[in-house]
Amino acid sequence: MRRCHLMPLYFFRIRTADGTSICNDGAEFPDRDAAWKEMTRVCADMISGVSRQLQENAEWQIELLDETKSPIFRIRLVAKTL
């Protein structure tokens, strides 16, 4: 039986050099703008720890997925040797 949502359901996916992680516990937000604000808040909370561990020529990203788990927003942190 599918649960009826009053608000759209969103998921977070974090990609690192070590692998990908999807939060299977979706979060409800009234709209995409509210979901974006939460994603940026989560990213800000995580980024200092991520940046201290980021290796040369590596990438970290967080994505916001819709109910079908299709990405709608992505924030990337890239360490690149020039």
PDB file of N, CA and C in Angstrom:
ATOM      1  N   MET A   1       0.832  -1.179   0.000  1.00  0.00           N
ATOM      2  CA  MET A   1       0.000   0.000   0.000  1.00  0.00           C
ATOM      3  C   MET A   1       0.883   1.251   0.000  1.00  0.00           C
ATOM      4  N   ARG A   2       0.660   2.155  -0.919  1.00  0.00           N
ATOM      5  CA  ARG A   2       1.452   3.382  -1.042  1.00  0.00           C
ATOM      6  C   ARG A   2       0.905   4.451  -0.113  1.00  0.00           C
ATOM      7  N   ARG A   3       1.829   5.075   0.591  1.00  0.00           N
ATOM      8  CA  ARG A   3       1.455   6.150   1.499  1.00  0.00           C
ATOM      9  C   ARG A   3       1.121   7.406   0.705  1.00  0.00           C
ATOM     10  N   CYS A   4       0.079   8.082   1.079  1.00  0.00           N
ATOM     11  CA  CYS A   4      -0.328   9.316   0.408  1.00  0.00           C
ATOM     12  C   CYS A   4       0.423  10.491   1.049  1.00  0.00           C
ATOM     13  N   HIS A   5       1.143  11.252   0.240  1.00  0.00           N
ATOM     14  CA  HIS A   5       1.916  12.391   0.723  1.00  0.00           C
ATOM     15  C   HIS A   5       1.131  13.673   0.479  1.00  0.00           C
ATOM     16  N   LEU A   6       1.116  14.523   1.478  1.00  0.00           N
ATOM     17  CA  LEU A   6       0.506  15.826   1.307  1.00  0.00           C
ATOM     18  C   LEU A   6       1.451  16.784   0.594  1.00  0.00           C
ATOM     19  N   MET A   7       2.756  16.549   0.778  1.00  0.00           N
ATOM     20  CA  MET A   7       3.778  17.373   0.135  1.00  0.00           C
ATOM     21  C   MET A   7       4.685  16.457  -0.683  1.00  0.00           C
ATOM     22  N   PRO A   8       5.374  17.034  -1.668  1.00  0.00           N
ATOM     23  CA  PRO A   8       6.301  16.213  -2.455  1.00  0.00           C
ATOM     24  C   PRO A   8       7.401  15.602  -1.582  1.00  0.00           C
ATOM     25  N   LEU A   9       7.819  14.421  -1.949  1.00  0.00           N
ATOM     26  CA  LEU A   9       8.860  13.690  -1.240  1.00  0.00           C
ATOM     27  C   LEU A   9      10.179  13.833  -1.997  1.00  0.00           C
ATOM     28  N   TYR A  10      11.255  14.155  -1.267  1.00  0.00           N
ATOM     29  CA  TYR A  10      12.580  14.332  -1.854  1.00  0.00           C
ATOM     30  C   TYR A  10      13.583  13.448  -1.132  1.00  0.00           C
ATOM     31  N   PHE A  11      14.670  13.125  -1.824  1.00  0.00           N
ATOM     32  CA  PHE A  11      15.739  12.292  -1.274  1.00  0.00           C
ATOM     33  C   PHE A  11      17.072  12.981  -1.514  1.00  0.00           C
ATOM     34  N   PHE A  12      18.059  12.672  -0.674  1.00  0.00           N
ATOM     35  CA  PHE A  12      19.416  13.167  -0.862  1.00  0.00           C
ATOM     36  C   PHE A  12      20.303  12.020  -1.309  1.00  0.00           C
ATOM     37  N   ARG A  13      21.204  12.316  -2.250  1.00  0.00           N
ATOM     38  CA  ARG A  13      22.215  11.338  -2.666  1.00  0.00           C
ATOM     39  C   ARG A  13      23.568  12.034  -2.562  1.00  0.00           C
ATOM     40  N   ILE A  14      24.489  11.384  -1.867  1.00  0.00           N
ATOM     41  CA  ILE A  14      25.834  11.912  -1.716  1.00  0.00           C
ATOM     42  C   ILE A  14      26.782  10.990  -2.466  1.00  0.00           C
ATOM     43  N   ARG A  15      27.609  11.590  -3.312  1.00  0.00           N
ATOM     44  CA  ARG A  15      28.591  10.822  -4.081  1.00  0.00           C
ATOM     45  C   ARG A  15      29.986  11.230  -3.648  1.00  0.00           C
ATOM     46  N   THR A  16      30.790  10.235  -3.360  1.00  0.00           N
ATOM     47  CA  THR A  16      32.191  10.464  -3.007  1.00  0.00           C
ATOM     48  C   THR A  16      33.046   9.546  -3.866  1.00  0.00           C
ATOM     49  N   ALA A  17      34.347   9.705  -3.767  1.00  0.00           N
ATOM     50  CA  ALA A  17      35.254   8.821  -4.501  1.00  0.00           C
ATOM     51  C   ALA A  17      35.090   7.379  -4.031  1.00  0.00           C
ATOM     52  N   ASP A  18      34.652   7.195  -2.795  1.00  0.00           N
ATOM     53  CA  ASP A  18      34.481   5.857  -2.219  1.00  0.00           C
ATOM     54  C   ASP A  18      33.171   5.178  -2.624  1.00  0.00           C
ATOM     55  N   GLY A  19      32.218   5.938  -3.118  1.00  0.00           N
ATOM     56  CA  GLY A  19      30.940   5.333  -3.495  1.00  0.00           C
ATOM     57  C   GLY A  19      29.798   6.319  -3.394  1.00  0.00           C
ATOM     58  N   THR A  20      28.604   5.804  -3.560  1.00  0.00           N
ATOM     59  CA  THR A  20      27.395   6.612  -3.560  1.00  0.00           C
ATOM     60  C   THR A  20      26.491   6.180  -2.429  1.00  0.00           C
ATOM     61  N   SER A  21      25.831   7.149  -1.835  1.00  0.00           N
ATOM     62  CA  SER A  21      24.900   6.857  -0.765  1.00  0.00           C
ATOM     63  C   SER A  21      23.586   7.597  -1.015  1.00  0.00           C
ATOM     64  N   ILE A  22      22.475   6.899  -0.936  1.00  0.00           N
ATOM     65  CA  ILE A  22      21.154   7.513  -1.057  1.00  0.00           C
ATOM     66  C   ILE A  22      20.453   7.383   0.284  1.00  0.00           C
ATOM     67  N   CYS A  23      19.891   8.476   0.725  1.00  0.00           N
ATOM     68  CA  CYS A  23      19.084   8.423   1.939  1.00  0.00           C
ATOM     69  C   CYS A  23      17.709   7.907   1.531  1.00  0.00           C
ATOM     70  N   ASN A  24      17.380   6.699   1.959  1.00  0.00           N
ATOM     71  CA  ASN A  24      16.103   6.095   1.577  1.00  0.00           C
ATOM     72  C   ASN A  24      14.919   6.637   2.358  1.00  0.00           C
ATOM     73  N   ASP A  25      15.190   7.376   3.415  1.00  0.00           N
ATOM     74  CA  ASP A  25      14.120   8.030   4.154  1.00  0.00           C
ATOM     75  C   ASP A  25      13.883   9.380   3.509  1.00  0.00           C
ATOM     76  N   GLY A  26      12.862   9.474   2.716  1.00  0.00           N
ATOM     77  CA  GLY A  26      12.567  10.722   2.036  1.00  0.00           C
ATOM     78  C   GLY A  26      12.129  11.799   3.004  1.00  0.00           C
ATOM     79  N   ALA A  27      12.276  13.034   2.565  1.00  0.00           N
ATOM     80  CA  ALA A  27      11.843  14.183   3.353  1.00  0.00           C
ATOM     81  C   ALA A  27      10.792  14.943   2.552  1.00  0.00           C
ATOM     82  N   GLU A  28       9.771  15.391   3.228  1.00  0.00           N
ATOM     83  CA  GLU A  28       8.715  16.151   2.568  1.00  0.00           C
ATOM     84  C   GLU A  28       9.003  17.639   2.665  1.00  0.00           C
ATOM     85  N   PHE A  29       8.847  18.337   1.545  1.00  0.00           N
ATOM     86  CA  PHE A  29       8.985  19.785   1.488  1.00  0.00           C
ATOM     87  C   PHE A  29       7.826  20.322   0.669  1.00  0.00           C
ATOM     88  N   PRO A  30       7.380  21.538   0.961  1.00  0.00           N
ATOM     89  CA  PRO A  30       6.225  22.072   0.236  1.00  0.00           C
ATOM     90  C   PRO A  30       6.476  22.298  -1.250  1.00  0.00           C
ATOM     91  N   ASP A  31       7.754  22.574  -1.615  1.00  0.00           N
ATOM     92  CA  ASP A  31       8.074  22.823  -3.027  1.00  0.00           C
ATOM     93  C   ASP A  31       9.577  22.690  -3.252  1.00  0.00           C
ATOM     94  N   ARG A  32       9.987  22.866  -4.510  1.00  0.00           N
ATOM     95  CA  ARG A  32      11.398  22.717  -4.867  1.00  0.00           C
ATOM     96  C   ARG A  32      12.276  23.770  -4.202  1.00  0.00           C
ATOM     97  N   ASP A  33      11.753  24.975  -4.022  1.00  0.00           N
ATOM     98  CA  ASP A  33      12.540  26.025  -3.367  1.00  0.00           C
ATOM     99  C   ASP A  33      12.859  25.653  -1.925  1.00  0.00           C
ATOM    100  N   ALA A  34      11.895  25.124  -1.208  1.00  0.00           N
ATOM    101  CA  ALA A  34      12.117  24.700   0.174  1.00  0.00           C
ATOM    102  C   ALA A  34      13.107  23.533   0.222  1.00  0.00           C
ATOM    103  N   ALA A  35      12.997  22.619  -0.729  1.00  0.00           N
ATOM    104  CA  ALA A  35      13.920  21.483  -0.801  1.00  0.00           C
ATOM    105  C   ALA A  35      15.335  21.974  -1.099  1.00  0.00           C
ATOM    106  N   TRP A  36      15.474  22.954  -2.000  1.00  0.00           N
ATOM    107  CA  TRP A  36      16.781  23.534  -2.313  1.00  0.00           C
ATOM    108  C   TRP A  36      17.399  24.173  -1.072  1.00  0.00           C
ATOM    109  N   LYS A  37      16.612  24.933  -0.320  1.00  0.00           N
ATOM    110  CA  LYS A  37      17.121  25.581   0.890  1.00  0.00           C
ATOM    111  C   LYS A  37      17.616  24.548   1.892  1.00  0.00           C
ATOM    112  N   GLU A  38      16.893  23.460   2.053  1.00  0.00           N
ATOM    113  CA  GLU A  38      17.332  22.409   2.972  1.00  0.00           C
ATOM    114  C   GLU A  38      18.593  21.740   2.456  1.00  0.00           C
ATOM    115  N   MET A  39      18.677  21.515   1.154  1.00  0.00           N
ATOM    116  CA  MET A  39      19.872  20.896   0.584  1.00  0.00           C
ATOM    117  C   MET A  39      21.093  21.782   0.827  1.00  0.00           C
ATOM    118  N   THR A  40      20.973  23.090   0.642  1.00  0.00           N
ATOM    119  CA  THR A  40      22.106  23.983   0.870  1.00  0.00           C
ATOM    120  C   THR A  40      22.473  24.026   2.350  1.00  0.00           C
ATOM    121  N   ARG A  41      21.499  23.915   3.237  1.00  0.00           N
ATOM    122  CA  ARG A  41      21.783  23.883   4.665  1.00  0.00           C
ATOM    123  C   ARG A  41      22.559  22.621   5.027  1.00  0.00           C
ATOM    124  N   VAL A  42      22.096  21.468   4.513  1.00  0.00           N
ATOM    125  CA  VAL A  42      22.781  20.197   4.756  1.00  0.00           C
ATOM    126  C   VAL A  42      24.203  20.255   4.198  1.00  0.00           C
ATOM    127  N   CYS A  43      24.346  20.782   3.004  1.00  0.00           N
ATOM    128  CA  CYS A  43      25.660  20.894   2.367  1.00  0.00           C
ATOM    129  C   CYS A  43      26.584  21.763   3.219  1.00  0.00           C
ATOM    130  N   ALA A  44      26.101  22.893   3.683  1.00  0.00           N
ATOM    131  CA  ALA A  44      26.909  23.788   4.514  1.00  0.00           C
ATOM    132  C   ALA A  44      27.355  23.097   5.791  1.00  0.00           C
ATOM    133  N   ASP A  45      26.484  22.294   6.383  1.00  0.00           N
ATOM    134  CA  ASP A  45      26.836  21.561   7.599  1.00  0.00           C
ATOM    135  C   ASP A  45      27.934  20.527   7.348  1.00  0.00           C
ATOM    136  N   MET A  46      27.959  19.945   6.160  1.00  0.00           N
ATOM    137  CA  MET A  46      28.889  18.863   5.852  1.00  0.00           C
ATOM    138  C   MET A  46      30.198  19.329   5.227  1.00  0.00           C
ATOM    139  N   ILE A  47      30.211  20.461   4.568  1.00  0.00           N
ATOM    140  CA  ILE A  47      31.308  20.819   3.673  1.00  0.00           C
ATOM    141  C   ILE A  47      32.658  20.996   4.370  1.00  0.00           C
ATOM    142  N   SER A  48      32.699  21.486   5.603  1.00  0.00           N
ATOM    143  CA  SER A  48      34.003  21.663   6.246  1.00  0.00           C
ATOM    144  C   SER A  48      34.676  20.313   6.498  1.00  0.00           C
ATOM    145  N   GLY A  49      33.912  19.334   6.916  1.00  0.00           N
ATOM    146  CA  GLY A  49      34.464  17.999   7.116  1.00  0.00           C
ATOM    147  C   GLY A  49      34.866  17.345   5.811  1.00  0.00           C
ATOM    148  N   VAL A  50      34.063  17.535   4.792  1.00  0.00           N
ATOM    149  CA  VAL A  50      34.353  16.957   3.470  1.00  0.00           C
ATOM    150  C   VAL A  50      35.615  17.577   2.893  1.00  0.00           C
ATOM    151  N   SER A  51      35.735  18.895   2.960  1.00  0.00           N
ATOM    152  CA  SER A  51      36.880  19.568   2.334  1.00  0.00           C
ATOM    153  C   SER A  51      38.195  19.195   3.011  1.00  0.00           C
ATOM    154  N   ARG A  52      38.172  18.914   4.309  1.00  0.00           N
ATOM    155  CA  ARG A  52      39.400  18.504   4.998  1.00  0.00           C
ATOM    156  C   ARG A  52      39.865  17.116   4.560  1.00  0.00           C
ATOM    157  N   GLN A  53      38.946  16.295   4.077  1.00  0.00           N
ATOM    158  CA  GLN A  53      39.286  14.921   3.689  1.00  0.00           C
ATOM    159  C   GLN A  53      39.382  14.732   2.176  1.00  0.00           C
ATOM    160  N   LEU A  54      39.056  15.757   1.411  1.00  0.00           N
ATOM    161  CA  LEU A  54      39.057  15.651  -0.048  1.00  0.00           C
ATOM    162  C   LEU A  54      40.484  15.490  -0.568  1.00  0.00           C
ATOM    163  N   GLN A  55      40.678  14.498  -1.399  1.00  0.00           N
ATOM    164  CA  GLN A  55      41.986  14.219  -1.993  1.00  0.00           C
ATOM    165  C   GLN A  55      42.152  15.016  -3.286  1.00  0.00           C
ATOM    166  N   GLU A  56      43.387  15.147  -3.745  1.00  0.00           N
ATOM    167  CA  GLU A  56      43.659  15.797  -5.018  1.00  0.00           C
ATOM    168  C   GLU A  56      42.934  15.069  -6.143  1.00  0.00           C
ATOM    169  N   ASN A  57      42.405  15.821  -7.088  1.00  0.00           N
ATOM    170  CA  ASN A  57      41.696  15.275  -8.252  1.00  0.00           C
ATOM    171  C   ASN A  57      40.523  14.381  -7.867  1.00  0.00           C
ATOM    172  N   ALA A  58      39.831  14.774  -6.825  1.00  0.00           N
ATOM    173  CA  ALA A  58      38.651  14.028  -6.368  1.00  0.00           C
ATOM    174  C   ALA A  58      37.435  14.944  -6.406  1.00  0.00           C
ATOM    175  N   GLU A  59      36.277  14.333  -6.290  1.00  0.00           N
ATOM    176  CA  GLU A  59      35.033  15.089  -6.340  1.00  0.00           C
ATOM    177  C   GLU A  59      34.074  14.572  -5.280  1.00  0.00           C
ATOM    178  N   TRP A  60      33.312  15.490  -4.708  1.00  0.00           N
ATOM    179  CA  TRP A  60      32.240  15.175  -3.775  1.00  0.00           C
ATOM    180  C   TRP A  60      31.015  15.919  -4.276  1.00  0.00           C
ATOM    181  N   GLN A  61      29.861  15.286  -4.213  1.00  0.00           N
ATOM    182  CA  GLN A  61      28.647  15.991  -4.611  1.00  0.00           C
ATOM    183  C   GLN A  61      27.454  15.514  -3.817  1.00  0.00           C
ATOM    184  N   ILE A  62      26.504  16.406  -3.687  1.00  0.00           N
ATOM    185  CA  ILE A  62      25.230  16.084  -3.062  1.00  0.00           C
ATOM    186  C   ILE A  62      24.147  16.425  -4.081  1.00  0.00           C
ATOM    187  N   GLU A  63      23.186  15.529  -4.215  1.00  0.00           N
ATOM    188  CA  GLU A  63      22.078  15.744  -5.152  1.00  0.00           C
ATOM    189  C   GLU A  63      20.765  15.672  -4.400  1.00  0.00           C
ATOM    190  N   LEU A  64      19.818  16.430  -4.884  1.00  0.00           N
ATOM    191  CA  LEU A  64      18.454  16.341  -4.401  1.00  0.00           C
ATOM    192  C   LEU A  64      17.658  15.601  -5.464  1.00  0.00           C
ATOM    193  N   LEU A  65      16.985  14.536  -5.062  1.00  0.00           N
ATOM    194  CA  LEU A  65      16.215  13.697  -5.980  1.00  0.00           C
ATOM    195  C   LEU A  65      14.729  13.892  -5.725  1.00  0.00           C
ATOM    196  N   ASP A  66      13.940  13.768  -6.781  1.00  0.00           N
ATOM    197  CA  ASP A  66      12.487  13.854  -6.611  1.00  0.00           C
ATOM    198  C   ASP A  66      11.923  12.493  -6.198  1.00  0.00           C
ATOM    199  N   GLU A  67      10.607  12.379  -6.185  1.00  0.00           N
ATOM    200  CA  GLU A  67       9.958  11.137  -5.732  1.00  0.00           C
ATOM    201  C   GLU A  67      10.330   9.921  -6.568  1.00  0.00           C
ATOM    202  N   THR A  68      10.693  10.139  -7.831  1.00  0.00           N
ATOM    203  CA  THR A  68      11.097   9.027  -8.696  1.00  0.00           C
ATOM    204  C   THR A  68      12.597   8.764  -8.589  1.00  0.00           C
ATOM    205  N   LYS A  69      13.254   9.500  -7.686  1.00  0.00           N
ATOM    206  CA  LYS A  69      14.702   9.440  -7.449  1.00  0.00           C
ATOM    207  C   LYS A  69      15.500   9.908  -8.665  1.00  0.00           C
ATOM    208  N   SER A  70      14.908  10.847  -9.409  1.00  0.00           N
ATOM    209  CA  SER A  70      15.614  11.531 -10.493  1.00  0.00           C
ATOM    210  C   SER A  70      16.216  12.810  -9.930  1.00  0.00           C
ATOM    211  N   PRO A  71      17.478  13.114 -10.266  1.00  0.00           N
ATOM    212  CA  PRO A  71      18.102  14.319  -9.713  1.00  0.00           C
ATOM    213  C   PRO A  71      17.463  15.595 -10.248  1.00  0.00           C
ATOM    214  N   ILE A  72      17.299  16.571  -9.357  1.00  0.00           N
ATOM    215  CA  ILE A  72      16.780  17.880  -9.769  1.00  0.00           C
ATOM    216  C   ILE A  72      17.745  19.013  -9.417  1.00  0.00           C
ATOM    217  N   PHE A  73      18.587  18.814  -8.403  1.00  0.00           N
ATOM    218  CA  PHE A  73      19.618  19.781  -8.033  1.00  0.00           C
ATOM    219  C   PHE A  73      20.901  19.033  -7.709  1.00  0.00           C
ATOM    220  N   ARG A  74      22.040  19.679  -7.952  1.00  0.00           N
ATOM    221  CA  ARG A  74      23.335  19.070  -7.620  1.00  0.00           C
ATOM    222  C   ARG A  74      24.298  20.176  -7.186  1.00  0.00           C
ATOM    223  N   ILE A  75      25.029  19.919  -6.116  1.00  0.00           N
ATOM    224  CA  ILE A  75      26.125  20.781  -5.681  1.00  0.00           C
ATOM    225  C   ILE A  75      27.384  19.929  -5.714  1.00  0.00           C
ATOM    226  N   ARG A  76      28.439  20.432  -6.359  1.00  0.00           N
ATOM    227  CA  ARG A  76      29.686  19.687  -6.505  1.00  0.00           C
ATOM    228  C   ARG A  76      30.836  20.437  -5.869  1.00  0.00           C
ATOM    229  N   LEU A  77      31.726  19.684  -5.231  1.00  0.00           N
ATOM    230  CA  LEU A  77      32.990  20.188  -4.729  1.00  0.00           C
ATOM    231  C   LEU A  77      34.073  19.395  -5.429  1.00  0.00           C
ATOM    232  N   VAL A  78      34.926  20.089  -6.197  1.00  0.00           N
ATOM    233  CA  VAL A  78      35.940  19.413  -7.001  1.00  0.00           C
ATOM    234  C   VAL A  78      37.320  19.920  -6.603  1.00  0.00           C
ATOM    235  N   ALA A  79      38.221  18.993  -6.338  1.00  0.00           N
ATOM    236  CA  ALA A  79      39.627  19.321  -6.091  1.00  0.00           C
ATOM    237  C   ALA A  79      40.404  18.905  -7.324  1.00  0.00           C
ATOM    238  N   LYS A  80      41.036  19.853  -7.986  1.00  0.00           N
ATOM    239  CA  LYS A  80      41.655  19.566  -9.276  1.00  0.00           C
ATOM    240  C   LYS A  80      43.071  20.119  -9.321  1.00  0.00           C
ATOM    241  N   THR A  81      44.002  19.296  -9.759  1.00  0.00           N
ATOM    242  CA  THR A  81      45.363  19.744  -9.987  1.00  0.00           C
ATOM    243  C   THR A  81      45.405  20.449 -11.339  1.00  0.00           C
ATOM    244  N   LEU A  82      45.965  21.647 -11.354  1.00  0.00           N
ATOM    245  CA  LEU A  82      46.020  22.421 -12.604  1.00  0.00           C
ATOM    246  C   LEU A  82      47.415  22.426 -13.168  1.00  0.00           C
TER     247      LEU A  82
END
